[in-house]
Amino acid sequence: MPEPTRCGYVSIVGKPNVGKSTLLNAFAGRKVSIVSEKPGTTRHRIHAAITRGQAQALFTDTPGLFKPRRTLDRFMEQMVLRSVEGVDLLLLVADEGGPRDMDRQVLSALRSRSAGVPVLLVLNRMDLCSRGAEVTKLAETWRPLYSFRGVIPVSAKTGKGLPLLWEAIAAALPEAPFEVGADEEMAPDNRRWASDLIREKVLHLAHQEVPHSVAVVVSGFEEEPKMYRIAADLIVERDSQKPILIGAGGSMIRAIGTAAREDLESQLGKKVFLELFVKVRAGWRDDPSRLAEYGYED
């Protein structure tokens, strides 16, 4: 009798900047979520189907949970809270620093919004721990805080521990047929993906408060036989931020455009003609109508 297939929905949650997106990319073996060292990189839910053997996990990578200060922050918080409901498994990703107040806030949210859903604690960045005893001690500081299904130390950067984590994920999924063909991928939203990749380059190249004040809105996306033509607006909140994003003689906007175009060509498999424009929309992060216009709504 053949082994039954397992399939289920898995949400990846945690505080900002603990490597949630890096973990998903490592599992996928390709880039499905943008990454930077700046907190708040992920602003939308990212979906990916990972199939290995008789198990298929339908992953959602979520923004990091933190105390909201702006309307945009509250949008992301509600997105995360909805993402932990109605799923089959939660991966709580934490780092080498041990449980902090923000981690405890995430655990509180899980207790109130996802009671009964099994939670695997994924201790990421264990490559930064010099001895196995440190990892064991770190795991023990977490165990009293929640009834975890398991505690798995990994390094999403090096891949260490990922096979064991996959085994734990597969064992927690319900017996069910695959929802996506084993050789298929979930169809990407290319406009959203282009927006995210461009914003990733802003996060890498711009500094201070500017990256967090930028929204990227794709205003044109045309596929031709041999290339894509993409136009995007980089939205900032203050007039003073516009020349910073443009740079001396256009140097910053060119660097962002070059890096984004190269990544887009790699992801889309065609040449890309990319045009970027910087626009000022005062206070957009606290303007519900602007947020909806820029795609920050479900």
Protein backbone atom coordinates (compact mmCIF):
# COMPACT_ATOMS: atom_id res chain seq x y z
CA MET A 1 0.00 0.00 0.00
CA PRO A 2 1.55 3.34 -1.02
CA GLU A 3 2.43 5.85 1.65
CA PRO A 4 -0.33 8.51 1.90
CA THR A 5 0.45 12.05 0.86
CA ARG A 6 0.42 14.87 3.38
CA CYS A 7 -0.47 18.45 2.54
CA GLY A 8 -1.22 21.51 4.60
CA TYR A 9 -0.90 25.22 5.13
CA VAL A 10 2.10 26.51 7.08
CA SER A 11 2.58 30.10 8.25
CA ILE A 12 6.01 31.42 9.17
CA VAL A 13 5.79 34.01 11.95
CA GLY A 14 8.08 35.85 14.33
CA LYS A 15 9.43 39.25 15.23
CA PRO A 16 11.17 41.30 12.53
CA ASN A 17 14.60 40.43 11.19
CA VAL A 18 15.00 36.86 12.47
CA GLY A 19 15.40 35.27 9.03
CA LYS A 20 11.86 34.19 8.15
CA SER A 21 12.22 35.06 4.46
CA THR A 22 15.71 33.56 4.29
CA LEU A 23 14.28 30.33 5.71
CA LEU A 24 11.55 30.19 3.07
CA ASN A 25 14.03 30.91 0.28
CA ALA A 26 16.31 28.15 1.58
CA PHE A 27 13.46 25.64 1.51
CA ALA A 28 12.36 26.74 -1.95
CA GLY A 29 15.90 26.62 -3.32
CA ARG A 30 15.22 29.91 -5.05
CA LYS A 31 14.21 33.44 -4.24
CA VAL A 32 10.51 33.68 -3.41
CA SER A 33 10.72 36.40 -0.76
CA ILE A 34 12.86 39.54 -0.62
CA VAL A 35 15.56 39.78 2.04
CA SER A 36 17.51 42.58 3.68
CA GLU A 37 19.15 43.23 7.02
CA LYS A 38 16.62 45.98 7.76
CA PRO A 39 13.57 45.10 9.88
CA GLY A 40 10.22 45.35 8.14
CA THR A 41 11.47 44.10 4.77
CA THR A 42 8.42 41.91 4.13
CA ARG A 43 5.21 43.93 3.87
CA HIS A 44 2.95 41.40 2.14
CA ARG A 45 2.22 37.73 2.61
CA ILE A 46 4.38 35.58 0.35
CA HIS A 47 3.14 32.18 -0.79
CA ALA A 48 5.18 29.19 -1.95
CA ALA A 49 4.44 25.48 -2.37
CA ILE A 50 7.28 23.16 -1.38
CA THR A 51 6.95 19.46 -2.28
CA ARG A 52 9.36 16.79 -1.11
CA GLY A 53 8.55 13.10 -1.26
CA GLN A 54 5.02 12.48 -0.04
CA ALA A 55 4.65 15.85 1.70
CA GLN A 56 3.64 19.27 0.40
CA ALA A 57 3.72 22.43 2.52
CA LEU A 58 1.91 25.54 1.32
CA PHE A 59 3.95 28.25 3.00
CA THR A 60 3.05 31.81 3.88
CA ASP A 61 5.88 34.13 4.88
CA THR A 62 4.54 37.02 6.94
CA PRO A 63 5.83 40.44 8.03
CA GLY A 64 7.48 40.54 11.42
CA LEU A 65 5.18 41.32 14.33
CA PHE A 66 6.04 44.48 16.24
CA LYS A 67 4.24 47.24 18.12
CA PRO A 68 2.45 49.25 15.42
CA ARG A 69 3.03 52.99 15.23
CA ARG A 70 1.50 53.80 11.86
CA THR A 71 -1.52 52.78 9.85
CA LEU A 72 0.80 50.75 7.58
CA ASP A 73 2.10 48.92 10.66
CA ARG A 74 -1.44 48.10 11.77
CA PHE A 75 -2.23 46.77 8.30
CA MET A 76 0.77 44.43 8.51
CA GLU A 77 -0.15 43.37 12.05
CA GLN A 78 -3.68 42.42 11.00
CA MET A 79 -2.27 40.57 7.97
CA VAL A 80 -0.07 38.46 10.24
CA LEU A 81 -2.89 37.74 12.69
CA ARG A 82 -5.14 36.56 9.87
CA SER A 83 -2.31 34.39 8.56
CA VAL A 84 -2.13 32.34 11.78
CA GLU A 85 -5.81 31.41 11.63
CA GLY A 86 -7.05 28.34 9.77
CA VAL A 87 -3.60 26.90 9.10
CA ASP A 88 -2.29 23.41 9.84
CA LEU A 89 1.07 24.38 11.30
CA LEU A 90 2.93 27.45 12.51
CA LEU A 91 6.69 27.96 12.39
CA LEU A 92 7.76 30.47 15.02
CA VAL A 93 11.21 31.69 13.97
CA ALA A 94 13.53 33.12 16.61
CA ASP A 95 17.19 34.03 16.64
CA GLU A 96 20.23 33.41 18.80
CA GLY A 97 19.36 36.25 21.19
CA GLY A 98 16.88 34.29 23.29
CA PRO A 99 13.27 35.25 24.06
CA ARG A 100 12.71 39.00 24.30
CA ASP A 101 9.62 41.11 24.96
CA MET A 102 8.76 41.16 21.28
CA ASP A 103 8.95 37.36 21.10
CA ARG A 104 6.59 37.12 24.05
CA GLN A 105 4.15 39.43 22.26
CA VAL A 106 4.21 37.05 19.29
CA LEU A 107 3.50 34.10 21.59
CA SER A 108 0.60 36.00 23.14
CA ALA A 109 -0.84 36.60 19.68
CA LEU A 110 -0.54 32.89 18.86
CA ARG A 111 -2.37 31.92 22.06
CA SER A 112 -5.28 34.22 21.27
CA ARG A 113 -5.56 33.70 17.51
CA SER A 114 -4.41 30.15 16.78
CA ALA A 115 -5.29 27.98 19.76
CA GLY A 116 -4.98 24.32 18.86
CA VAL A 117 -2.62 24.87 15.92
CA PRO A 118 0.71 23.07 16.48
CA VAL A 119 3.75 25.34 16.67
CA LEU A 120 7.31 24.38 15.80
CA LEU A 121 9.91 26.69 17.31
CA VAL A 122 12.67 27.25 14.75
CA LEU A 123 15.84 28.61 16.34
CA ASN A 124 17.57 30.26 13.41
CA ARG A 125 21.13 31.54 13.00
CA MET A 126 22.55 28.72 15.06
CA ASP A 127 25.74 29.08 12.99
CA LEU A 128 26.41 32.05 15.29
CA CYS A 129 26.48 29.77 18.36
CA SER A 130 29.97 28.40 18.87
CA ARG A 131 29.04 25.29 20.87
CA GLY A 132 26.21 22.77 20.92
CA ALA A 133 25.76 23.44 24.63
CA GLU A 134 24.80 27.03 23.82
CA VAL A 135 22.06 25.82 21.46
CA THR A 136 20.74 23.39 24.09
CA LYS A 137 20.69 26.13 26.74
CA LEU A 138 18.90 28.50 24.34
CA ALA A 139 16.24 25.88 23.58
CA GLU A 140 15.64 25.35 27.31
CA THR A 141 14.95 29.08 27.83
CA TRP A 142 12.11 28.82 25.32
CA ARG A 143 10.42 25.58 26.40
CA PRO A 144 8.52 26.97 29.45
CA LEU A 145 6.98 29.77 27.37
CA TYR A 146 4.73 27.69 25.11
CA SER A 147 3.66 24.13 24.42
CA PHE A 148 5.77 23.71 21.30
CA ARG A 149 5.36 20.62 19.14
CA GLY A 150 9.13 20.67 18.75
CA VAL A 151 12.21 22.90 18.93
CA ILE A 152 14.46 22.71 15.87
CA PRO A 153 17.81 24.58 15.67
CA VAL A 154 18.77 25.56 12.13
CA SER A 155 20.85 27.93 10.06
CA ALA A 156 18.86 29.12 7.08
CA LYS A 157 22.07 30.72 5.80
CA THR A 158 24.13 27.51 5.72
CA GLY A 159 21.30 24.98 5.43
CA LYS A 160 22.25 23.17 8.63
CA GLY A 161 19.25 21.59 10.32
CA LEU A 162 16.86 22.15 7.42
CA PRO A 163 16.41 18.42 6.60
CA LEU A 164 15.42 17.76 10.22
CA LEU A 165 13.05 20.74 10.15
CA TRP A 166 11.41 19.45 6.96
CA GLU A 167 10.87 16.05 8.60
CA ALA A 168 9.15 17.76 11.53
CA ILE A 169 6.98 19.84 9.19
CA ALA A 170 5.97 16.84 7.07
CA ALA A 171 5.06 14.80 10.17
CA ALA A 172 2.78 17.61 11.39
CA LEU A 173 0.82 17.96 8.14
CA PRO A 174 -2.54 16.19 7.75
CA GLU A 175 -3.02 13.32 5.33
CA ALA A 176 -4.44 14.97 2.22
CA PRO A 177 -3.87 15.09 -1.54
CA PHE A 178 -1.47 17.69 -2.94
CA GLU A 179 -3.11 21.00 -3.82
CA VAL A 180 -0.38 21.92 -6.31
CA GLY A 181 1.18 19.47 -8.77
CA ALA A 182 4.47 18.11 -7.45
CA ASP A 183 6.34 19.62 -10.42
CA GLU A 184 4.38 22.89 -10.43
CA GLU A 185 4.86 26.19 -8.67
CA MET A 186 2.26 28.57 -7.30
CA ALA A 187 1.72 31.18 -9.99
CA PRO A 188 3.50 34.38 -8.97
CA ASP A 189 1.97 37.84 -9.17
CA ASN A 190 4.65 39.34 -11.41
CA ARG A 191 3.63 42.94 -10.74
CA ARG A 192 3.83 42.43 -6.98
CA TRP A 193 7.10 40.52 -7.37
CA ALA A 194 8.58 43.38 -9.43
CA SER A 195 7.47 45.88 -6.77
CA ASP A 196 9.04 43.81 -4.00
CA LEU A 197 12.34 43.29 -5.83
CA ILE A 198 12.68 47.02 -6.53
CA ARG A 199 11.95 47.83 -2.88
CA GLU A 200 14.54 45.27 -1.81
CA LYS A 201 17.17 47.23 -3.75
CA VAL A 202 16.03 50.45 -2.08
CA LEU A 203 16.49 48.74 1.29
CA HIS A 204 19.98 47.56 0.35
CA LEU A 205 21.21 50.81 -1.16
CA ALA A 206 19.44 53.68 0.63
CA HIS A 207 20.12 54.62 4.23
CA GLN A 208 18.66 56.12 7.39
CA GLU A 209 14.86 56.54 7.42
CA VAL A 210 14.44 56.74 3.64
CA PRO A 211 14.05 52.98 2.93
CA HIS A 212 11.22 52.60 5.47
CA SER A 213 9.37 55.55 3.94
CA VAL A 214 9.36 54.12 0.41
CA ALA A 215 6.51 52.36 -1.34
CA VAL A 216 7.02 50.94 -4.81
CA VAL A 217 4.04 51.01 -7.14
CA VAL A 218 4.31 49.32 -10.53
CA SER A 219 2.47 51.62 -12.93
CA GLY A 220 3.25 49.72 -16.13
CA PHE A 221 3.96 46.06 -16.82
CA GLU A 222 3.96 44.84 -20.42
CA GLU A 223 5.23 41.51 -21.67
CA GLU A 224 6.59 41.44 -25.19
CA PRO A 225 7.98 38.41 -27.06
CA LYS A 226 11.58 39.11 -26.04
CA MET A 227 11.33 41.48 -23.08
CA TYR A 228 9.29 43.06 -20.30
CA ARG A 229 8.65 46.80 -20.10
CA ILE A 230 8.18 47.82 -16.48
CA ALA A 231 7.58 51.27 -15.03
CA ALA A 232 7.46 51.91 -11.30
CA ASP A 233 6.94 54.87 -8.97
CA LEU A 234 9.06 55.10 -5.84
CA ILE A 235 6.85 56.90 -3.33
CA VAL A 236 8.44 58.88 -0.49
CA GLU A 237 6.82 60.93 2.27
CA ARG A 238 8.86 64.15 2.31
CA ASP A 239 10.31 66.49 -0.29
CA SER A 240 13.72 66.15 1.40
CA GLN A 241 13.75 62.40 0.71
CA LYS A 242 13.34 62.73 -3.04
CA PRO A 243 16.87 64.05 -3.84
CA ILE A 244 18.36 61.40 -1.51
CA LEU A 245 16.66 58.63 -3.45
CA ILE A 246 17.64 60.18 -6.79
CA GLY A 247 21.25 60.75 -5.69
CA ALA A 248 23.90 63.09 -7.05
CA GLY A 249 23.48 63.25 -10.80
CA GLY A 250 20.93 60.41 -10.58
CA SER A 251 23.50 57.98 -9.15
CA MET A 252 21.24 56.38 -6.52
CA ILE A 253 18.22 55.83 -8.75
CA ARG A 254 20.50 54.37 -11.45
CA ALA A 255 22.07 51.98 -8.95
CA ILE A 256 18.64 50.88 -7.72
CA GLY A 257 17.42 50.44 -11.30
CA THR A 258 20.46 48.46 -12.40
CA ALA A 259 20.33 46.07 -9.43
CA ALA A 260 16.56 45.61 -9.77
CA ARG A 261 16.73 45.03 -13.53
CA GLU A 262 19.40 42.35 -13.18
CA ASP A 263 17.37 40.53 -10.54
CA LEU A 264 14.13 40.86 -12.52
CA GLU A 265 15.78 39.47 -15.65
CA SER A 266 17.03 36.49 -13.66
CA GLN A 267 13.61 35.89 -12.15
CA LEU A 268 11.48 36.52 -15.26
CA GLY A 269 13.79 34.89 -17.80
CA LYS A 270 13.69 37.78 -20.26
CA LYS A 271 15.33 41.14 -20.82
CA VAL A 272 13.74 43.95 -18.80
CA PHE A 273 13.43 47.61 -19.70
CA LEU A 274 12.88 49.34 -16.35
CA GLU A 275 11.89 52.95 -15.72
CA LEU A 276 11.82 54.37 -12.20
CA PHE A 277 10.23 57.63 -11.06
CA VAL A 278 10.41 59.22 -7.59
CA LYS A 279 7.23 60.88 -6.31
CA VAL A 280 6.32 62.56 -3.03
CA ARG A 281 3.06 61.66 -1.28
CA ALA A 282 3.11 63.24 2.16
CA GLY A 283 2.20 60.92 5.03
CA TRP A 284 1.25 57.97 2.83
CA ARG A 285 1.98 55.45 5.61
CA ASP A 286 -0.88 56.92 7.67
CA ASP A 287 -3.32 57.51 4.80
CA PRO A 288 -5.78 54.59 4.38
CA SER A 289 -6.74 55.65 0.85
CA ARG A 290 -3.10 55.81 -0.24
CA LEU A 291 -2.38 52.46 1.38
CA ALA A 292 -5.25 50.87 -0.54
CA GLU A 293 -4.05 52.52 -3.75
CA TYR A 294 -0.57 51.09 -3.20
CA GLY A 295 -1.88 47.57 -2.64
CA TYR A 296 -1.84 47.41 1.15
CA GLU A 297 -5.18 45.73 1.58
CA ASP A 298 -6.51 42.18 1.42
